[in-house]
């Protein structure tokens, strides 16, 4: 079990580095950070890695449309050389509104574009000091073709915004050996109304993105489940809420379904807060997972 968080981006870097130091002491072995509207992921990862001794930083996810394949592989190898076995590059095709509306790029045939991008990465020139261990990458993958590609062209997959049932599908598509590291949102709140309110606040953006809604439809969720912030049933499937035991049980369900690593994204009641209390509580369960 690791952590997935945007909350570190909302803090001054010195505070984020202090928090990472404590998380490492608490026993976490991996923390995932995003790329979209926050910090640049390679610079962010370098600063966070420099503040810790053994913690792995993963990008969830660095967009292929934000940099050329040559630049992506250079950043990947730079951090892999500087921090051996501690940087995991997660790459994704992002989403059409971000790609076309923000980056001004074409979002056409994302699977084929990813294959071409990985080919370009793998033949890219890099004359700096090389990594001493093979650099590792995972793909943001939801559908069967991208999941299969993630097993063939990388360490595995990092699915985001998925229920446990997707983990079963992903493991079947990827085979037994690839790394499967799904993200799991969590709310430390036992009141159903309050918990679902926090959950829907986080889910709203993702329910407006076709990649996620199409994936949920593939799993059998209907249009009624996707409207108005999500049905209670969908909210409860995407976001686990309740006591520590309830949240840990959901992590265990992903592991039982075929996941190797679960990235827990704690959603604080205050959207801008750093959920240190919840992270500390969650760390108490690390030895049992």
C-alpha atoms as a PDB file:
ATOM      1  CA  UNK A   1       0.000   0.000   0.000  1.00  0.00           C
ATOM      2  CA  UNK A   2       1.226   3.447  -0.942  1.00  0.00           C
ATOM      3  CA  UNK A   3      -0.241   6.914  -1.260  1.00  0.00           C
ATOM      4  CA  UNK A   4      -1.516   8.903  -4.234  1.00  0.00           C
ATOM      5  CA  UNK A   5      -1.847  12.623  -3.581  1.00  0.00           C
ATOM      6  CA  UNK A   6      -2.291  16.043  -5.125  1.00  0.00           C
ATOM      7  CA  UNK A   7      -2.240  17.593  -1.664  1.00  0.00           C
ATOM      8  CA  UNK A   8       1.554  17.918  -1.662  1.00  0.00           C
ATOM      9  CA  UNK A   9       1.304  20.198  -4.702  1.00  0.00           C
ATOM     10  CA  UNK A  10      -0.863  22.572  -2.680  1.00  0.00           C
ATOM     11  CA  UNK A  11       1.829  23.083  -0.032  1.00  0.00           C
ATOM     12  CA  UNK A  12       5.082  25.055  -0.210  1.00  0.00           C
ATOM     13  CA  UNK A  13       7.801  22.656  -1.339  1.00  0.00           C
ATOM     14  CA  UNK A  14       9.597  22.780   2.021  1.00  0.00           C
ATOM     15  CA  UNK A  15       6.393  21.604   3.740  1.00  0.00           C
ATOM     16  CA  UNK A  16       5.909  18.872   1.143  1.00  0.00           C
ATOM     17  CA  UNK A  17       9.462  17.651   1.704  1.00  0.00           C
ATOM     18  CA  UNK A  18       8.936  17.590   5.478  1.00  0.00           C
ATOM     19  CA  UNK A  19       5.733  15.603   5.017  1.00  0.00           C
ATOM     20  CA  UNK A  20       7.502  13.078   2.761  1.00  0.00           C
ATOM     21  CA  UNK A  21      10.172  12.587   5.401  1.00  0.00           C
ATOM     22  CA  UNK A  22       7.512  11.721   7.964  1.00  0.00           C
ATOM     23  CA  UNK A  23       5.681   9.422   5.546  1.00  0.00           C
ATOM     24  CA  UNK A  24       8.902   7.524   4.967  1.00  0.00           C
ATOM     25  CA  UNK A  25       9.428   7.169   8.705  1.00  0.00           C
ATOM     26  CA  UNK A  26       5.840   5.898   9.038  1.00  0.00           C
ATOM     27  CA  UNK A  27       6.686   3.028   6.724  1.00  0.00           C
ATOM     28  CA  UNK A  28       5.283   4.063   3.361  1.00  0.00           C
ATOM     29  CA  UNK A  29       7.424   2.818   0.495  1.00  0.00           C
ATOM     30  CA  UNK A  30       5.812   4.669  -2.416  1.00  0.00           C
ATOM     31  CA  UNK A  31       4.042   7.970  -3.043  1.00  0.00           C
ATOM     32  CA  UNK A  32       2.432   8.882  -6.373  1.00  0.00           C
ATOM     33  CA  UNK A  33       2.125  12.476  -7.598  1.00  0.00           C
ATOM     34  CA  UNK A  34       0.085  13.731 -10.563  1.00  0.00           C
ATOM     35  CA  UNK A  35       0.560  15.971 -13.544  1.00  0.00           C
ATOM     36  CA  UNK A  36      -2.208  18.175 -14.882  1.00  0.00           C
ATOM     37  CA  UNK A  37      -2.579  21.602 -13.317  1.00  0.00           C
ATOM     38  CA  UNK A  38       0.044  21.372 -10.570  1.00  0.00           C
ATOM     39  CA  UNK A  39       3.802  21.046 -10.371  1.00  0.00           C
ATOM     40  CA  UNK A  40       5.932  19.817 -13.254  1.00  0.00           C
ATOM     41  CA  UNK A  41       6.359  16.129 -12.416  1.00  0.00           C
ATOM     42  CA  UNK A  42      10.085  15.600 -13.075  1.00  0.00           C
ATOM     43  CA  UNK A  43      11.141  18.656 -11.070  1.00  0.00           C
ATOM     44  CA  UNK A  44       8.613  17.749  -8.388  1.00  0.00           C
ATOM     45  CA  UNK A  45       9.856  14.148  -8.173  1.00  0.00           C
ATOM     46  CA  UNK A  46      13.493  15.265  -7.965  1.00  0.00           C
ATOM     47  CA  UNK A  47      12.770  17.598  -5.062  1.00  0.00           C
ATOM     48  CA  UNK A  48      10.698  14.988  -3.224  1.00  0.00           C
ATOM     49  CA  UNK A  49      13.236  12.215  -3.794  1.00  0.00           C
ATOM     50  CA  UNK A  50      16.025  14.444  -2.524  1.00  0.00           C
ATOM     51  CA  UNK A  51      14.157  14.858   0.775  1.00  0.00           C
ATOM     52  CA  UNK A  52      13.886  11.098   1.397  1.00  0.00           C
ATOM     53  CA  UNK A  53      16.242   8.121   1.581  1.00  0.00           C
ATOM     54  CA  UNK A  54      14.398   5.106   0.196  1.00  0.00           C
ATOM     55  CA  UNK A  55      10.888   6.205  -0.745  1.00  0.00           C
ATOM     56  CA  UNK A  56       9.791   5.536  -4.333  1.00  0.00           C
ATOM     57  CA  UNK A  57       8.118   8.400  -6.182  1.00  0.00           C
ATOM     58  CA  UNK A  58       5.788   7.512  -9.047  1.00  0.00           C
ATOM     59  CA  UNK A  59       4.178   9.853 -11.544  1.00  0.00           C
ATOM     60  CA  UNK A  60       0.477   9.277 -11.841  1.00  0.00           C
ATOM     61  CA  UNK A  61       0.486  10.305 -14.620  1.00  0.00           C
ATOM     62  CA  UNK A  62       3.016  12.229 -16.732  1.00  0.00           C
ATOM     63  CA  UNK A  63       1.260  13.199 -19.956  1.00  0.00           C
ATOM     64  CA  UNK A  64       2.803  12.182 -23.268  1.00  0.00           C
ATOM     65  CA  UNK A  65       1.307  15.361 -24.750  1.00  0.00           C
ATOM     66  CA  UNK A  66       3.157  17.657 -22.349  1.00  0.00           C
ATOM     67  CA  UNK A  67       6.618  16.783 -23.723  1.00  0.00           C
ATOM     68  CA  UNK A  68       8.213  15.014 -26.634  1.00  0.00           C
ATOM     69  CA  UNK A  69       9.187  11.369 -26.332  1.00  0.00           C
ATOM     70  CA  UNK A  70      12.856  12.406 -26.401  1.00  0.00           C
ATOM     71  CA  UNK A  71      12.341  14.775 -23.475  1.00  0.00           C
ATOM     72  CA  UNK A  72      10.283  12.217 -21.567  1.00  0.00           C
ATOM     73  CA  UNK A  73      12.984   9.560 -21.834  1.00  0.00           C
ATOM     74  CA  UNK A  74      15.668  12.050 -20.846  1.00  0.00           C
ATOM     75  CA  UNK A  75      13.790  13.042 -17.689  1.00  0.00           C
ATOM     76  CA  UNK A  76      13.082   9.393 -16.933  1.00  0.00           C
ATOM     77  CA  UNK A  77      16.722   8.380 -17.245  1.00  0.00           C
ATOM     78  CA  UNK A  78      17.991  11.453 -15.386  1.00  0.00           C
ATOM     79  CA  UNK A  79      15.947  10.657 -12.278  1.00  0.00           C
ATOM     80  CA  UNK A  80      16.549   6.906 -12.570  1.00  0.00           C
ATOM     81  CA  UNK A  81      20.309   7.515 -12.593  1.00  0.00           C
ATOM     82  CA  UNK A  82      20.224  10.002  -9.714  1.00  0.00           C
ATOM     83  CA  UNK A  83      17.893   7.871  -7.553  1.00  0.00           C
ATOM     84  CA  UNK A  84      18.412   4.194  -8.472  1.00  0.00           C
ATOM     85  CA  UNK A  85      15.276   2.048  -8.120  1.00  0.00           C
ATOM     86  CA  UNK A  86      13.373   4.957  -6.574  1.00  0.00           C
ATOM     87  CA  UNK A  87      11.661   6.623  -9.536  1.00  0.00           C
ATOM     88  CA  UNK A  88       8.742   5.014 -11.368  1.00  0.00           C
ATOM     89  CA  UNK A  89       7.583   6.832 -14.482  1.00  0.00           C
ATOM     90  CA  UNK A  90       3.879   6.593 -15.116  1.00  0.00           C
ATOM     91  CA  UNK A  91       2.920   7.712 -18.639  1.00  0.00           C
ATOM     92  CA  UNK A  92      -0.549   8.361 -19.987  1.00  0.00           C
ATOM     93  CA  UNK A  93      -2.431   9.711 -22.978  1.00  0.00           C
ATOM     94  CA  UNK A  94      -4.312  12.141 -20.699  1.00  0.00           C
ATOM     95  CA  UNK A  95      -7.793  13.313 -21.759  1.00  0.00           C
ATOM     96  CA  UNK A  96      -9.154  15.086 -24.806  1.00  0.00           C
ATOM     97  CA  UNK A  97     -10.204  18.322 -23.013  1.00  0.00           C
ATOM     98  CA  UNK A  98      -6.727  18.693 -21.486  1.00  0.00           C
ATOM     99  CA  UNK A  99      -4.800  17.647 -24.597  1.00  0.00           C
ATOM    100  CA  UNK A 100      -6.716  19.793 -27.072  1.00  0.00           C
ATOM    101  CA  UNK A 101      -7.863  22.610 -24.812  1.00  0.00           C
ATOM    102  CA  UNK A 102      -4.677  23.151 -22.799  1.00  0.00           C
ATOM    103  CA  UNK A 103      -1.773  21.642 -24.736  1.00  0.00           C
ATOM    104  CA  UNK A 104      -3.167  22.425 -28.176  1.00  0.00           C
ATOM    105  CA  UNK A 105      -2.444  18.913 -29.432  1.00  0.00           C
ATOM    106  CA  UNK A 106      -4.598  16.428 -31.301  1.00  0.00           C
ATOM    107  CA  UNK A 107      -6.209  13.666 -29.261  1.00  0.00           C
ATOM    108  CA  UNK A 108      -6.581  11.118 -32.019  1.00  0.00           C
ATOM    109  CA  UNK A 109      -6.209   7.335 -31.765  1.00  0.00           C
ATOM    110  CA  UNK A 110      -4.682   7.360 -28.262  1.00  0.00           C
ATOM    111  CA  UNK A 111      -3.630   3.705 -28.359  1.00  0.00           C
ATOM    112  CA  UNK A 112      -1.724   4.063 -31.629  1.00  0.00           C
ATOM    113  CA  UNK A 113      -0.267   7.361 -30.425  1.00  0.00           C
ATOM    114  CA  UNK A 114       1.008   5.661 -27.263  1.00  0.00           C
ATOM    115  CA  UNK A 115       2.651   2.847 -29.240  1.00  0.00           C
ATOM    116  CA  UNK A 116       4.431   5.369 -31.464  1.00  0.00           C
ATOM    117  CA  UNK A 117       5.436   7.434 -28.429  1.00  0.00           C
ATOM    118  CA  UNK A 118       6.952   4.435 -26.632  1.00  0.00           C
ATOM    119  CA  UNK A 119       8.813   3.506 -29.818  1.00  0.00           C
ATOM    120  CA  UNK A 120      10.240   7.020 -29.998  1.00  0.00           C
ATOM    121  CA  UNK A 121      11.206   6.938 -26.319  1.00  0.00           C
ATOM    122  CA  UNK A 122      13.013   3.634 -26.727  1.00  0.00           C
ATOM    123  CA  UNK A 123      15.102   4.829 -29.679  1.00  0.00           C
ATOM    124  CA  UNK A 124      15.776   8.292 -28.243  1.00  0.00           C
ATOM    125  CA  UNK A 125      19.331   9.526 -27.908  1.00  0.00           C
ATOM    126  CA  UNK A 126      20.727  10.002 -24.408  1.00  0.00           C
ATOM    127  CA  UNK A 127      24.466  10.667 -24.005  1.00  0.00           C
ATOM    128  CA  UNK A 128      24.474  11.563 -20.281  1.00  0.00           C
ATOM    129  CA  UNK A 129      25.558   9.225 -17.496  1.00  0.00           C
ATOM    130  CA  UNK A 130      23.166   6.255 -17.783  1.00  0.00           C
ATOM    131  CA  UNK A 131      21.110   4.714 -14.978  1.00  0.00           C
ATOM    132  CA  UNK A 132      22.865   1.883 -13.170  1.00  0.00           C
ATOM    133  CA  UNK A 133      19.623  -0.120 -13.070  1.00  0.00           C
ATOM    134  CA  UNK A 134      17.024  -0.393 -15.832  1.00  0.00           C
ATOM    135  CA  UNK A 135      14.591   2.540 -15.606  1.00  0.00           C
ATOM    136  CA  UNK A 136      11.017   1.433 -14.982  1.00  0.00           C
ATOM    137  CA  UNK A 137       7.749   2.724 -16.409  1.00  0.00           C
ATOM    138  CA  UNK A 138       4.053   1.955 -16.148  1.00  0.00           C
ATOM    139  CA  UNK A 139       1.159   3.090 -18.300  1.00  0.00           C
ATOM    140  CA  UNK A 140      -2.130   4.680 -17.354  1.00  0.00           C
ATOM    141  CA  UNK A 141      -4.421   1.957 -18.629  1.00  0.00           C
ATOM    142  CA  UNK A 142      -8.138   1.243 -18.400  1.00  0.00           C
ATOM    143  CA  UNK A 143      -9.241  -0.633 -21.517  1.00  0.00           C
ATOM    144  CA  UNK A 144      -8.043  -4.098 -22.537  1.00  0.00           C
ATOM    145  CA  UNK A 145      -5.725  -2.969 -25.350  1.00  0.00           C
ATOM    146  CA  UNK A 146      -3.871  -0.408 -23.224  1.00  0.00           C
ATOM    147  CA  UNK A 147      -3.696  -2.843 -20.304  1.00  0.00           C
ATOM    148  CA  UNK A 148      -2.116  -5.459 -22.535  1.00  0.00           C
ATOM    149  CA  UNK A 149       0.306  -2.863 -23.921  1.00  0.00           C
ATOM    150  CA  UNK A 150       1.310  -1.854 -20.391  1.00  0.00           C
ATOM    151  CA  UNK A 151       2.396  -5.438 -19.701  1.00  0.00           C
ATOM    152  CA  UNK A 152       4.278  -5.685 -22.998  1.00  0.00           C
ATOM    153  CA  UNK A 153       6.053  -2.328 -23.010  1.00  0.00           C
ATOM    154  CA  UNK A 154       6.600  -1.554 -19.350  1.00  0.00           C
ATOM    155  CA  UNK A 155       6.473  -2.797 -15.815  1.00  0.00           C
ATOM    156  CA  UNK A 156       2.693  -2.760 -15.820  1.00  0.00           C
ATOM    157  CA  UNK A 157      -0.313  -0.484 -15.321  1.00  0.00           C
ATOM    158  CA  UNK A 158      -1.560   2.246 -13.007  1.00  0.00           C
ATOM    159  CA  UNK A 159      -5.362   2.387 -13.410  1.00  0.00           C
ATOM    160  CA  UNK A 160      -7.094   5.413 -11.873  1.00  0.00           C
ATOM    161  CA  UNK A 161     -10.713   5.988 -10.808  1.00  0.00           C
ATOM    162  CA  UNK A 162     -11.625   2.324 -10.840  1.00  0.00           C
ATOM    163  CA  UNK A 163     -13.684  -0.017  -8.642  1.00  0.00           C
ATOM    164  CA  UNK A 164     -12.375  -3.379  -7.465  1.00  0.00           C
ATOM    165  CA  UNK A 165     -14.140  -5.140 -10.329  1.00  0.00           C
ATOM    166  CA  UNK A 166     -11.780  -3.396 -12.757  1.00  0.00           C
ATOM    167  CA  UNK A 167      -8.792  -4.894 -10.961  1.00  0.00           C
ATOM    168  CA  UNK A 168     -10.110  -8.363 -11.813  1.00  0.00           C
ATOM    169  CA  UNK A 169     -10.458  -7.372 -15.485  1.00  0.00           C
ATOM    170  CA  UNK A 170      -7.040  -5.718 -15.545  1.00  0.00           C
ATOM    171  CA  UNK A 171      -5.245  -8.725 -14.111  1.00  0.00           C
ATOM    172  CA  UNK A 172      -6.869 -10.999 -16.673  1.00  0.00           C
ATOM    173  CA  UNK A 173      -5.865  -8.690 -19.528  1.00  0.00           C
ATOM    174  CA  UNK A 174      -2.281  -8.215 -18.336  1.00  0.00           C
ATOM    175  CA  UNK A 175      -1.399 -11.724 -17.309  1.00  0.00           C
ATOM    176  CA  UNK A 176       0.093 -12.850 -13.996  1.00  0.00           C
ATOM    177  CA  UNK A 177       3.487 -11.148 -14.050  1.00  0.00           C
ATOM    178  CA  UNK A 178       2.910  -7.446 -14.815  1.00  0.00           C
ATOM    179  CA  UNK A 179       2.689  -4.876 -12.019  1.00  0.00           C
ATOM    180  CA  UNK A 180      -0.878  -3.765 -11.315  1.00  0.00           C
ATOM    181  CA  UNK A 181      -1.123  -0.656  -9.146  1.00  0.00           C
ATOM    182  CA  UNK A 182      -4.659   0.792  -9.014  1.00  0.00           C
ATOM    183  CA  UNK A 183      -5.507   4.058  -7.277  1.00  0.00           C
ATOM    184  CA  UNK A 184      -8.178   3.973  -4.540  1.00  0.00           C
ATOM    185  CA  UNK A 185      -9.879   7.109  -3.163  1.00  0.00           C
ATOM    186  CA  UNK A 186     -10.699   7.049   0.542  1.00  0.00           C
ATOM    187  CA  UNK A 187     -12.577   9.246   3.009  1.00  0.00           C
ATOM    188  CA  UNK A 188     -12.078   8.904   6.757  1.00  0.00           C
ATOM    189  CA  UNK A 189     -15.708   9.703   7.616  1.00  0.00           C
ATOM    190  CA  UNK A 190     -18.361   7.359   8.994  1.00  0.00           C
ATOM    191  CA  UNK A 191     -21.392   9.564   8.306  1.00  0.00           C
ATOM    192  CA  UNK A 192     -22.765   8.478   4.897  1.00  0.00           C
ATOM    193  CA  UNK A 193     -24.009  11.919   3.842  1.00  0.00           C
ATOM    194  CA  UNK A 194     -20.802  13.701   4.770  1.00  0.00           C
ATOM    195  CA  UNK A 195     -18.621  10.998   3.276  1.00  0.00           C
ATOM    196  CA  UNK A 196     -20.472  10.949  -0.038  1.00  0.00           C
ATOM    197  CA  UNK A 197     -20.446  14.727  -0.221  1.00  0.00           C
ATOM    198  CA  UNK A 198     -16.642  14.705   0.028  1.00  0.00           C
ATOM    199  CA  UNK A 199     -16.474  11.835  -2.453  1.00  0.00           C
ATOM    200  CA  UNK A 200     -18.693  13.536  -5.035  1.00  0.00           C
ATOM    201  CA  UNK A 201     -16.650  16.707  -4.800  1.00  0.00           C
ATOM    202  CA  UNK A 202     -13.616  14.718  -5.918  1.00  0.00           C
ATOM    203  CA  UNK A 203     -15.483  12.586  -8.464  1.00  0.00           C
ATOM    204  CA  UNK A 204     -17.129  15.449 -10.338  1.00  0.00           C
ATOM    205  CA  UNK A 205     -14.228  16.199 -12.655  1.00  0.00           C
ATOM    206  CA  UNK A 206     -13.638  12.565 -13.542  1.00  0.00           C
ATOM    207  CA  UNK A 207     -17.296  11.868 -14.326  1.00  0.00           C
ATOM    208  CA  UNK A 208     -16.996  14.544 -17.013  1.00  0.00           C
ATOM    209  CA  UNK A 209     -14.161  12.725 -18.796  1.00  0.00           C
ATOM    210  CA  UNK A 210     -15.124  10.100 -21.418  1.00  0.00           C
ATOM    211  CA  UNK A 211     -12.106   7.866 -20.700  1.00  0.00           C
ATOM    212  CA  UNK A 212     -13.416   7.207 -17.207  1.00  0.00           C
ATOM    213  CA  UNK A 213     -17.121   7.046 -17.982  1.00  0.00           C
ATOM    214  CA  UNK A 214     -16.561   4.726 -20.949  1.00  0.00           C
ATOM    215  CA  UNK A 215     -14.526   2.447 -18.707  1.00  0.00           C
ATOM    216  CA  UNK A 216     -17.309   2.359 -16.140  1.00  0.00           C
ATOM    217  CA  UNK A 217     -19.820   1.549 -18.866  1.00  0.00           C
ATOM    218  CA  UNK A 218     -17.621  -1.351 -19.989  1.00  0.00           C
ATOM    219  CA  UNK A 219     -17.903  -2.664 -16.438  1.00  0.00           C
ATOM    220  CA  UNK A 220     -21.706  -2.500 -16.568  1.00  0.00           C
ATOM    221  CA  UNK A 221     -22.468   0.825 -14.920  1.00  0.00           C
ATOM    222  CA  UNK A 222     -25.432   2.639 -16.490  1.00  0.00           C
ATOM    223  CA  UNK A 223     -26.050   6.252 -17.400  1.00  0.00           C
ATOM    224  CA  UNK A 224     -28.142   6.773 -14.259  1.00  0.00           C
ATOM    225  CA  UNK A 225     -25.098   5.843 -12.176  1.00  0.00           C
ATOM    226  CA  UNK A 226     -22.991   8.523 -13.881  1.00  0.00           C
ATOM    227  CA  UNK A 227     -25.357  11.490 -13.455  1.00  0.00           C
ATOM    228  CA  UNK A 228     -25.474  14.120 -10.705  1.00  0.00           C
ATOM    229  CA  UNK A 229     -22.125  13.255  -9.157  1.00  0.00           C
ATOM    230  CA  UNK A 230     -22.733   9.519  -9.322  1.00  0.00           C
ATOM    231  CA  UNK A 231     -25.280   7.204  -7.758  1.00  0.00           C
ATOM    232  CA  UNK A 232     -24.682   6.181  -4.154  1.00  0.00           C
ATOM    233  CA  UNK A 233     -23.739   2.721  -5.420  1.00  0.00           C
ATOM    234  CA  UNK A 234     -21.109   4.124  -7.794  1.00  0.00           C
ATOM    235  CA  UNK A 235     -19.765   6.556  -5.207  1.00  0.00           C
ATOM    236  CA  UNK A 236     -19.322   3.709  -2.745  1.00  0.00           C
ATOM    237  CA  UNK A 237     -17.580   1.587  -5.395  1.00  0.00           C
ATOM    238  CA  UNK A 238     -15.116   4.308  -6.415  1.00  0.00           C
ATOM    239  CA  UNK A 239     -14.524   5.915  -3.003  1.00  0.00           C
ATOM    240  CA  UNK A 240     -14.242   3.825   0.124  1.00  0.00           C
ATOM    241  CA  UNK A 241     -15.369   5.673   3.238  1.00  0.00           C
ATOM    242  CA  UNK A 242     -15.674   4.857   6.907  1.00  0.00           C
ATOM    243  CA  UNK A 243     -13.336   3.527   9.556  1.00  0.00           C
ATOM    244  CA  UNK A 244      -9.741   2.466   9.140  1.00  0.00           C
ATOM    245  CA  UNK A 245     -10.831  -1.171   9.047  1.00  0.00           C
ATOM    246  CA  UNK A 246     -13.285  -0.448   6.235  1.00  0.00           C
ATOM    247  CA  UNK A 247     -10.655   1.362   4.184  1.00  0.00           C
ATOM    248  CA  UNK A 248      -8.067  -1.361   4.748  1.00  0.00           C
ATOM    249  CA  UNK A 249     -10.638  -3.971   3.708  1.00  0.00           C
ATOM    250  CA  UNK A 250     -11.040  -2.206   0.356  1.00  0.00           C
ATOM    251  CA  UNK A 251      -7.266  -2.195  -0.148  1.00  0.00           C
ATOM    252  CA  UNK A 252      -7.236  -5.904   0.637  1.00  0.00           C
ATOM    253  CA  UNK A 253     -10.074  -6.468  -1.843  1.00  0.00           C
ATOM    254  CA  UNK A 254      -7.937  -4.962  -4.627  1.00  0.00           C
ATOM    255  CA  UNK A 255      -5.014  -7.142  -3.601  1.00  0.00           C
ATOM    256  CA  UNK A 256      -7.212 -10.234  -3.517  1.00  0.00           C
ATOM    257  CA  UNK A 257      -8.506  -9.298  -6.982  1.00  0.00           C
ATOM    258  CA  UNK A 258      -5.006  -9.269  -8.444  1.00  0.00           C
ATOM    259  CA  UNK A 259      -3.388  -5.942  -7.570  1.00  0.00           C
ATOM    260  CA  UNK A 260       0.243  -5.881  -6.464  1.00  0.00           C
ATOM    261  CA  UNK A 261       0.166  -2.381  -4.995  1.00  0.00           C
ATOM    262  CA  UNK A 262      -2.705  -0.060  -4.094  1.00  0.00           C
ATOM    263  CA  UNK A 263      -2.228   3.725  -4.143  1.00  0.00           C
ATOM    264  CA  UNK A 264      -4.620   5.194  -1.573  1.00  0.00           C
ATOM    265  CA  UNK A 265      -5.735   8.751  -2.231  1.00  0.00           C
ATOM    266  CA  UNK A 266      -7.065  10.207   1.018  1.00  0.00           C
ATOM    267  CA  UNK A 267      -9.688  12.891   0.357  1.00  0.00           C
ATOM    268  CA  UNK A 268      -9.696  15.396   3.228  1.00  0.00           C
ATOM    269  CA  UNK A 269     -12.827  17.255   4.251  1.00  0.00           C
ATOM    270  CA  UNK A 270     -10.906  20.463   3.581  1.00  0.00           C
ATOM    271  CA  UNK A 271      -9.872  20.049  -0.036  1.00  0.00           C
ATOM    272  CA  UNK A 272      -6.693  22.093   0.404  1.00  0.00           C
ATOM    273  CA  UNK A 273      -5.525  20.409   3.604  1.00  0.00           C
ATOM    274  CA  UNK A 274      -2.625  18.028   4.008  1.00  0.00           C
ATOM    275  CA  UNK A 275      -4.244  14.903   5.533  1.00  0.00           C
ATOM    276  CA  UNK A 276      -1.386  14.023   7.868  1.00  0.00           C
ATOM    277  CA  UNK A 277      -3.673  12.654  10.595  1.00  0.00           C
ATOM    278  CA  UNK A 278      -5.342  10.268   8.134  1.00  0.00           C
ATOM    279  CA  UNK A 279      -2.001   9.239   6.616  1.00  0.00           C
ATOM    280  CA  UNK A 280      -0.673   8.465  10.094  1.00  0.00           C
ATOM    281  CA  UNK A 281      -3.757   6.403  10.908  1.00  0.00           C
ATOM    282  CA  UNK A 282      -3.528   4.544   7.615  1.00  0.00           C
ATOM    283  CA  UNK A 283       0.161   3.804   8.218  1.00  0.00           C
ATOM    284  CA  UNK A 284      -0.770   1.862  11.330  1.00  0.00           C
ATOM    285  CA  UNK A 285      -2.241  -0.777   9.022  1.00  0.00           C
ATOM    286  CA  UNK A 286       0.884  -1.173   6.868  1.00  0.00           C
ATOM    287  CA  UNK A 287       2.261  -4.163   8.795  1.00  0.00           C
ATOM    288  CA  UNK A 288      -0.980  -6.124   8.251  1.00  0.00           C
ATOM    289  CA  UNK A 289      -1.153  -5.605   4.489  1.00  0.00           C
END
